[in-house]
Amino acid sequence: MRKTSIGHYALAYLFWLVTLAITLLACSVLVETVVGVLGLAEFHRFFIRAVRQFLIFFLGILVLGLLVYNEHYFRTGAERHRLLERFARMTGIWLLIMGISHLIGIFIILRSVSPGVLLVGGAVVELFLGIGALWYARRSTHAHRQRARAYT
Protein backbone atom coordinates (compact mmCIF):
# COMPACT_ATOMS: atom_id res chain seq x y z
CA MET A 1 0.00 0.00 0.00
CA ARG A 2 1.19 3.52 -0.76
CA LYS A 3 2.48 5.65 2.07
CA THR A 4 0.31 8.62 3.03
CA SER A 5 2.12 11.94 3.31
CA ILE A 6 1.48 14.71 5.79
CA GLY A 7 0.08 16.79 2.93
CA HIS A 8 -2.69 14.24 2.42
CA TYR A 9 -3.63 14.46 6.08
CA ALA A 10 -3.53 18.27 5.97
CA LEU A 11 -5.83 18.19 2.94
CA ALA A 12 -8.14 15.76 4.77
CA TYR A 13 -8.48 18.15 7.69
CA LEU A 14 -8.98 21.11 5.35
CA PHE A 15 -11.79 19.20 3.61
CA TRP A 16 -13.15 18.34 7.06
CA LEU A 17 -13.37 22.03 7.97
CA VAL A 18 -14.96 22.96 4.64
CA THR A 19 -17.51 20.17 5.03
CA LEU A 20 -18.26 21.35 8.57
CA ALA A 21 -18.88 24.89 7.31
CA ILE A 22 -21.17 23.66 4.52
CA THR A 23 -23.01 21.41 6.99
CA LEU A 24 -23.61 24.26 9.43
CA LEU A 25 -24.80 26.53 6.63
CA ALA A 26 -27.13 23.85 5.27
CA CYS A 27 -28.57 23.23 8.74
CA SER A 28 -29.19 26.95 9.18
CA VAL A 29 -30.95 27.15 5.81
CA LEU A 30 -32.97 24.05 6.65
CA VAL A 31 -34.17 25.48 9.97
CA GLU A 32 -35.19 28.77 8.39
CA THR A 33 -37.01 26.93 5.59
CA VAL A 34 -39.01 24.86 8.07
CA VAL A 35 -39.84 28.01 10.06
CA GLY A 36 -40.93 29.70 6.81
CA VAL A 37 -43.18 26.80 5.85
CA LEU A 38 -44.75 26.75 9.32
CA GLY A 39 -45.23 30.51 9.20
CA LEU A 40 -46.87 30.22 5.81
CA ALA A 41 -49.22 27.59 7.21
CA GLU A 42 -50.12 30.11 9.92
CA PHE A 43 -49.19 28.05 12.93
CA HIS A 44 -49.06 29.78 16.30
CA ARG A 45 -45.80 31.64 16.90
CA PHE A 46 -45.04 29.70 20.09
CA PHE A 47 -45.39 26.41 18.21
CA ILE A 48 -43.07 27.69 15.48
CA ARG A 49 -40.54 28.80 18.09
CA ALA A 50 -40.67 25.39 19.80
CA VAL A 51 -40.18 23.58 16.48
CA ARG A 52 -37.27 25.88 15.62
CA GLN A 53 -35.56 25.25 18.96
CA PHE A 54 -36.11 21.50 18.68
CA LEU A 55 -34.66 21.49 15.16
CA ILE A 56 -31.62 23.46 16.28
CA PHE A 57 -31.07 21.00 19.14
CA PHE A 58 -31.57 17.92 16.94
CA LEU A 59 -29.40 19.26 14.11
CA GLY A 60 -26.73 20.28 16.64
CA ILE A 61 -26.51 16.70 17.87
CA LEU A 62 -26.43 15.48 14.26
CA VAL A 63 -23.62 17.90 13.38
CA LEU A 64 -21.59 16.79 16.42
CA GLY A 65 -21.96 13.18 15.35
CA LEU A 66 -21.04 14.01 11.78
CA LEU A 67 -18.06 16.01 13.02
CA VAL A 68 -16.56 12.90 14.58
CA TYR A 69 -17.61 10.62 11.72
CA ASN A 70 -16.29 12.93 8.98
CA GLU A 71 -12.90 13.24 10.68
CA HIS A 72 -12.49 9.47 10.60
CA TYR A 73 -14.00 9.21 7.12
CA PHE A 74 -11.64 11.80 5.62
CA ARG A 75 -8.57 10.57 7.49
CA THR A 76 -9.08 7.00 6.26
CA GLY A 77 -9.87 8.42 2.83
CA ALA A 78 -6.45 10.06 2.84
CA GLU A 79 -4.86 6.75 3.83
CA ARG A 80 -6.66 4.93 1.02
CA HIS A 81 -6.09 7.76 -1.49
CA ARG A 82 -9.84 8.26 -1.97
CA LEU A 83 -10.11 11.62 -0.25
CA LEU A 84 -11.62 13.62 -3.10
CA GLU A 85 -14.33 11.04 -3.66
CA ARG A 86 -15.28 11.08 0.01
CA PHE A 87 -15.25 14.87 0.16
CA ALA A 88 -17.52 15.01 -2.89
CA ARG A 89 -19.94 12.56 -1.33
CA MET A 90 -20.26 14.36 2.00
CA THR A 91 -20.46 17.89 0.61
CA GLY A 92 -22.76 16.80 -2.21
CA ILE A 93 -25.36 15.57 0.24
CA TRP A 94 -25.38 18.85 2.18
CA LEU A 95 -25.33 20.97 -0.98
CA LEU A 96 -28.42 19.11 -2.18
CA ILE A 97 -30.15 19.68 1.16
CA MET A 98 -29.25 23.36 1.01
CA GLY A 99 -30.37 23.71 -2.62
CA ILE A 100 -33.71 22.02 -1.99
CA SER A 101 -34.24 24.17 1.11
CA HIS A 102 -33.53 27.30 -0.89
CA LEU A 103 -35.96 26.20 -3.62
CA ILE A 104 -38.66 25.68 -1.00
CA GLY A 105 -37.83 29.14 0.32
CA ILE A 106 -38.23 30.54 -3.19
CA PHE A 107 -41.69 28.98 -3.44
CA ILE A 108 -42.57 30.58 -0.10
CA ILE A 109 -41.41 33.97 -1.40
CA LEU A 110 -43.37 33.47 -4.64
CA ARG A 111 -46.56 33.57 -2.60
CA SER A 112 -45.89 37.16 -1.55
CA VAL A 113 -43.37 38.82 -3.89
CA SER A 114 -41.17 37.84 -6.80
CA PRO A 115 -37.78 36.44 -5.75
CA GLY A 116 -34.56 37.99 -6.95
CA VAL A 117 -32.51 36.42 -9.71
CA LEU A 118 -29.62 35.96 -7.28
CA LEU A 119 -31.70 33.82 -4.94
CA VAL A 120 -32.95 31.58 -7.74
CA GLY A 121 -29.48 31.35 -9.29
CA GLY A 122 -27.92 30.47 -5.94
CA ALA A 123 -30.37 27.64 -5.37
CA VAL A 124 -29.79 26.27 -8.87
CA VAL A 125 -26.01 26.44 -8.45
CA GLU A 126 -26.24 24.61 -5.10
CA LEU A 127 -28.37 21.89 -6.67
CA PHE A 128 -26.01 21.45 -9.62
CA LEU A 129 -22.94 21.39 -7.36
CA GLY A 130 -24.58 18.83 -5.09
CA ILE A 131 -25.67 16.61 -7.97
CA GLY A 132 -22.27 16.95 -9.63
CA ALA A 133 -20.41 16.06 -6.44
CA LEU A 134 -22.58 13.01 -5.83
CA TRP A 135 -22.20 11.96 -9.47
CA TYR A 136 -18.42 12.26 -9.19
CA ALA A 137 -18.38 10.24 -5.96
CA ARG A 138 -20.54 7.51 -7.52
CA ARG A 139 -18.42 7.39 -10.66
CA SER A 140 -15.20 7.21 -8.65
CA THR A 141 -16.56 4.44 -6.44
CA HIS A 142 -17.61 2.45 -9.50
CA ALA A 143 -14.20 2.94 -11.15
CA HIS A 144 -12.44 1.92 -7.92
CA ARG A 145 -14.49 -1.29 -7.73
CA GLN A 146 -13.68 -2.08 -11.34
CA ARG A 147 -9.95 -1.67 -10.67
CA ALA A 148 -10.22 -3.83 -7.54
CA ARG A 149 -11.94 -6.61 -9.53
CA ALA A 150 -9.22 -6.45 -12.18
CA TYR A 151 -6.54 -7.10 -9.56
CA THR A 152 -8.29 -10.10 -7.99
C-alpha atoms as a PDB file:
ATOM      1  CA  MET A   1       0.000   0.000   0.000  1.00  0.00           C
ATOM      2  CA  ARG A   2       1.188   3.521  -0.757  1.00  0.00           C
ATOM      3  CA  LYS A   3       2.476   5.651   2.068  1.00  0.00           C
ATOM      4  CA  THR A   4       0.310   8.617   3.034  1.00  0.00           C
ATOM      5  CA  SER A   5       2.117  11.941   3.315  1.00  0.00           C
ATOM      6  CA  ILE A   6       1.483  14.709   5.794  1.00  0.00           C
ATOM      7  CA  GLY A   7       0.081  16.785   2.927  1.00  0.00           C
ATOM      8  CA  HIS A   8      -2.695  14.245   2.416  1.00  0.00           C
ATOM      9  CA  TYR A   9      -3.633  14.459   6.079  1.00  0.00           C
ATOM     10  CA  ALA A  10      -3.527  18.273   5.968  1.00  0.00           C
ATOM     11  CA  LEU A  11      -5.834  18.191   2.944  1.00  0.00           C
ATOM     12  CA  ALA A  12      -8.137  15.763   4.768  1.00  0.00           C
ATOM     13  CA  TYR A  13      -8.479  18.153   7.694  1.00  0.00           C
ATOM     14  CA  LEU A  14      -8.981  21.107   5.349  1.00  0.00           C
ATOM     15  CA  PHE A  15     -11.786  19.202   3.609  1.00  0.00           C
ATOM     16  CA  TRP A  16     -13.150  18.338   7.063  1.00  0.00           C
ATOM     17  CA  LEU A  17     -13.369  22.033   7.973  1.00  0.00           C
ATOM     18  CA  VAL A  18     -14.964  22.955   4.637  1.00  0.00           C
ATOM     19  CA  THR A  19     -17.514  20.168   5.027  1.00  0.00           C
ATOM     20  CA  LEU A  20     -18.262  21.351   8.569  1.00  0.00           C
ATOM     21  CA  ALA A  21     -18.881  24.895   7.315  1.00  0.00           C
ATOM     22  CA  ILE A  22     -21.173  23.659   4.519  1.00  0.00           C
ATOM     23  CA  THR A  23     -23.006  21.410   6.987  1.00  0.00           C
ATOM     24  CA  LEU A  24     -23.611  24.262   9.434  1.00  0.00           C
ATOM     25  CA  LEU A  25     -24.800  26.530   6.632  1.00  0.00           C
ATOM     26  CA  ALA A  26     -27.130  23.851   5.266  1.00  0.00           C
ATOM     27  CA  CYS A  27     -28.571  23.228   8.743  1.00  0.00           C
ATOM     28  CA  SER A  28     -29.186  26.949   9.180  1.00  0.00           C
ATOM     29  CA  VAL A  29     -30.950  27.152   5.812  1.00  0.00           C
ATOM     30  CA  LEU A  30     -32.974  24.050   6.647  1.00  0.00           C
ATOM     31  CA  VAL A  31     -34.169  25.475   9.969  1.00  0.00           C
ATOM     32  CA  GLU A  32     -35.192  28.768   8.387  1.00  0.00           C
ATOM     33  CA  THR A  33     -37.012  26.931   5.594  1.00  0.00           C
ATOM     34  CA  VAL A  34     -39.009  24.857   8.068  1.00  0.00           C
ATOM     35  CA  VAL A  35     -39.844  28.005  10.058  1.00  0.00           C
ATOM     36  CA  GLY A  36     -40.927  29.703   6.809  1.00  0.00           C
ATOM     37  CA  VAL A  37     -43.179  26.804   5.851  1.00  0.00           C
ATOM     38  CA  LEU A  38     -44.752  26.749   9.318  1.00  0.00           C
ATOM     39  CA  GLY A  39     -45.227  30.511   9.203  1.00  0.00           C
ATOM     40  CA  LEU A  40     -46.872  30.223   5.807  1.00  0.00           C
ATOM     41  CA  ALA A  41     -49.222  27.589   7.206  1.00  0.00           C
ATOM     42  CA  GLU A  42     -50.117  30.112   9.922  1.00  0.00           C
ATOM     43  CA  PHE A  43     -49.194  28.048  12.933  1.00  0.00           C
ATOM     44  CA  HIS A  44     -49.062  29.776  16.300  1.00  0.00           C
ATOM     45  CA  ARG A  45     -45.803  31.642  16.904  1.00  0.00           C
ATOM     46  CA  PHE A  46     -45.044  29.700  20.088  1.00  0.00           C
ATOM     47  CA  PHE A  47     -45.392  26.409  18.213  1.00  0.00           C
ATOM     48  CA  ILE A  48     -43.072  27.693  15.481  1.00  0.00           C
ATOM     49  CA  ARG A  49     -40.544  28.798  18.091  1.00  0.00           C
ATOM     50  CA  ALA A  50     -40.666  25.389  19.799  1.00  0.00           C
ATOM     51  CA  VAL A  51     -40.184  23.579  16.484  1.00  0.00           C
ATOM     52  CA  ARG A  52     -37.274  25.880  15.616  1.00  0.00           C
ATOM     53  CA  GLN A  53     -35.557  25.251  18.958  1.00  0.00           C
ATOM     54  CA  PHE A  54     -36.106  21.497  18.678  1.00  0.00           C
ATOM     55  CA  LEU A  55     -34.658  21.494  15.163  1.00  0.00           C
ATOM     56  CA  ILE A  56     -31.621  23.464  16.279  1.00  0.00           C
ATOM     57  CA  PHE A  57     -31.067  21.002  19.140  1.00  0.00           C
ATOM     58  CA  PHE A  58     -31.570  17.924  16.939  1.00  0.00           C
ATOM     59  CA  LEU A  59     -29.405  19.257  14.112  1.00  0.00           C
ATOM     60  CA  GLY A  60     -26.733  20.281  16.642  1.00  0.00           C
ATOM     61  CA  ILE A  61     -26.508  16.697  17.868  1.00  0.00           C
ATOM     62  CA  LEU A  62     -26.431  15.479  14.257  1.00  0.00           C
ATOM     63  CA  VAL A  63     -23.619  17.903  13.383  1.00  0.00           C
ATOM     64  CA  LEU A  64     -21.587  16.795  16.424  1.00  0.00           C
ATOM     65  CA  GLY A  65     -21.959  13.177  15.354  1.00  0.00           C
ATOM     66  CA  LEU A  66     -21.040  14.014  11.784  1.00  0.00           C
ATOM     67  CA  LEU A  67     -18.062  16.009  13.017  1.00  0.00           C
ATOM     68  CA  VAL A  68     -16.557  12.896  14.580  1.00  0.00           C
ATOM     69  CA  TYR A  69     -17.615  10.616  11.717  1.00  0.00           C
ATOM     70  CA  ASN A  70     -16.288  12.929   8.981  1.00  0.00           C
ATOM     71  CA  GLU A  71     -12.895  13.238  10.676  1.00  0.00           C
ATOM     72  CA  HIS A  72     -12.491   9.467  10.600  1.00  0.00           C
ATOM     73  CA  TYR A  73     -13.998   9.205   7.122  1.00  0.00           C
ATOM     74  CA  PHE A  74     -11.644  11.801   5.623  1.00  0.00           C
ATOM     75  CA  ARG A  75      -8.569  10.566   7.492  1.00  0.00           C
ATOM     76  CA  THR A  76      -9.075   6.998   6.263  1.00  0.00           C
ATOM     77  CA  GLY A  77      -9.869   8.422   2.833  1.00  0.00           C
ATOM     78  CA  ALA A  78      -6.446  10.061   2.837  1.00  0.00           C
ATOM     79  CA  GLU A  79      -4.856   6.747   3.831  1.00  0.00           C
ATOM     80  CA  ARG A  80      -6.662   4.933   1.015  1.00  0.00           C
ATOM     81  CA  HIS A  81      -6.089   7.759  -1.492  1.00  0.00           C
ATOM     82  CA  ARG A  82      -9.840   8.259  -1.970  1.00  0.00           C
ATOM     83  CA  LEU A  83     -10.113  11.615  -0.246  1.00  0.00           C
ATOM     84  CA  LEU A  84     -11.617  13.624  -3.102  1.00  0.00           C
ATOM     85  CA  GLU A  85     -14.334  11.041  -3.655  1.00  0.00           C
ATOM     86  CA  ARG A  86     -15.285  11.084   0.014  1.00  0.00           C
ATOM     87  CA  PHE A  87     -15.247  14.874   0.156  1.00  0.00           C
ATOM     88  CA  ALA A  88     -17.521  15.014  -2.894  1.00  0.00           C
ATOM     89  CA  ARG A  89     -19.940  12.557  -1.328  1.00  0.00           C
ATOM     90  CA  MET A  90     -20.261  14.357   2.002  1.00  0.00           C
ATOM     91  CA  THR A  91     -20.455  17.887   0.610  1.00  0.00           C
ATOM     92  CA  GLY A  92     -22.755  16.799  -2.206  1.00  0.00           C
ATOM     93  CA  ILE A  93     -25.362  15.570   0.239  1.00  0.00           C
ATOM     94  CA  TRP A  94     -25.378  18.852   2.176  1.00  0.00           C
ATOM     95  CA  LEU A  95     -25.331  20.975  -0.984  1.00  0.00           C
ATOM     96  CA  LEU A  96     -28.415  19.115  -2.178  1.00  0.00           C
ATOM     97  CA  ILE A  97     -30.150  19.683   1.156  1.00  0.00           C
ATOM     98  CA  MET A  98     -29.248  23.361   1.007  1.00  0.00           C
ATOM     99  CA  GLY A  99     -30.373  23.714  -2.621  1.00  0.00           C
ATOM    100  CA  ILE A 100     -33.709  22.015  -1.990  1.00  0.00           C
ATOM    101  CA  SER A 101     -34.242  24.167   1.110  1.00  0.00           C
ATOM    102  CA  HIS A 102     -33.535  27.300  -0.893  1.00  0.00           C
ATOM    103  CA  LEU A 103     -35.959  26.200  -3.622  1.00  0.00           C
ATOM    104  CA  ILE A 104     -38.657  25.678  -1.004  1.00  0.00           C
ATOM    105  CA  GLY A 105     -37.832  29.140   0.320  1.00  0.00           C
ATOM    106  CA  ILE A 106     -38.232  30.540  -3.194  1.00  0.00           C
ATOM    107  CA  PHE A 107     -41.690  28.979  -3.437  1.00  0.00           C
ATOM    108  CA  ILE A 108     -42.570  30.582  -0.099  1.00  0.00           C
ATOM    109  CA  ILE A 109     -41.411  33.968  -1.403  1.00  0.00           C
ATOM    110  CA  LEU A 110     -43.366  33.471  -4.637  1.00  0.00           C
ATOM    111  CA  ARG A 111     -46.555  33.566  -2.599  1.00  0.00           C
ATOM    112  CA  SER A 112     -45.892  37.159  -1.546  1.00  0.00           C
ATOM    113  CA  VAL A 113     -43.366  38.823  -3.895  1.00  0.00           C
ATOM    114  CA  SER A 114     -41.173  37.839  -6.804  1.00  0.00           C
ATOM    115  CA  PRO A 115     -37.778  36.442  -5.752  1.00  0.00           C
ATOM    116  CA  GLY A 116     -34.560  37.992  -6.947  1.00  0.00           C
ATOM    117  CA  VAL A 117     -32.509  36.421  -9.710  1.00  0.00           C
ATOM    118  CA  LEU A 118     -29.616  35.962  -7.285  1.00  0.00           C
ATOM    119  CA  LEU A 119     -31.703  33.818  -4.938  1.00  0.00           C
ATOM    120  CA  VAL A 120     -32.947  31.579  -7.745  1.00  0.00           C
ATOM    121  CA  GLY A 121     -29.483  31.351  -9.285  1.00  0.00           C
ATOM    122  CA  GLY A 122     -27.918  30.468  -5.944  1.00  0.00           C
ATOM    123  CA  ALA A 123     -30.373  27.636  -5.370  1.00  0.00           C
ATOM    124  CA  VAL A 124     -29.787  26.266  -8.867  1.00  0.00           C
ATOM    125  CA  VAL A 125     -26.008  26.440  -8.446  1.00  0.00           C
ATOM    126  CA  GLU A 126     -26.239  24.612  -5.102  1.00  0.00           C
ATOM    127  CA  LEU A 127     -28.366  21.889  -6.673  1.00  0.00           C
ATOM    128  CA  PHE A 128     -26.006  21.445  -9.619  1.00  0.00           C
ATOM    129  CA  LEU A 129     -22.937  21.390  -7.365  1.00  0.00           C
ATOM    130  CA  GLY A 130     -24.578  18.831  -5.093  1.00  0.00           C
ATOM    131  CA  ILE A 131     -25.667  16.605  -7.968  1.00  0.00           C
ATOM    132  CA  GLY A 132     -22.269  16.951  -9.626  1.00  0.00           C
ATOM    133  CA  ALA A 133     -20.413  16.061  -6.445  1.00  0.00           C
ATOM    134  CA  LEU A 134     -22.584  13.008  -5.829  1.00  0.00           C
ATOM    135  CA  TRP A 135     -22.203  11.959  -9.474  1.00  0.00           C
ATOM    136  CA  TYR A 136     -18.420  12.259  -9.186  1.00  0.00           C
ATOM    137  CA  ALA A 137     -18.385  10.242  -5.962  1.00  0.00           C
ATOM    138  CA  ARG A 138     -20.535   7.514  -7.516  1.00  0.00           C
ATOM    139  CA  ARG A 139     -18.423   7.391 -10.665  1.00  0.00           C
ATOM    140  CA  SER A 140     -15.199   7.214  -8.648  1.00  0.00           C
ATOM    141  CA  THR A 141     -16.557   4.436  -6.440  1.00  0.00           C
ATOM    142  CA  HIS A 142     -17.610   2.446  -9.497  1.00  0.00           C
ATOM    143  CA  ALA A 143     -14.204   2.939 -11.148  1.00  0.00           C
ATOM    144  CA  HIS A 144     -12.439   1.915  -7.923  1.00  0.00           C
ATOM    145  CA  ARG A 145     -14.489  -1.287  -7.728  1.00  0.00           C
ATOM    146  CA  GLN A 146     -13.684  -2.081 -11.341  1.00  0.00           C
ATOM    147  CA  ARG A 147      -9.948  -1.673 -10.670  1.00  0.00           C
ATOM    148  CA  ALA A 148     -10.222  -3.831  -7.541  1.00  0.00           C
ATOM    149  CA  ARG A 149     -11.938  -6.606  -9.526  1.00  0.00           C
ATOM    150  CA  ALA A 150      -9.222  -6.445 -12.183  1.00  0.00           C
ATOM    151  CA  TYR A 151      -6.536  -7.102  -9.559  1.00  0.00           C
ATOM    152  CA  THR A 152      -8.290 -10.098  -7.994  1.00  0.00           C
END
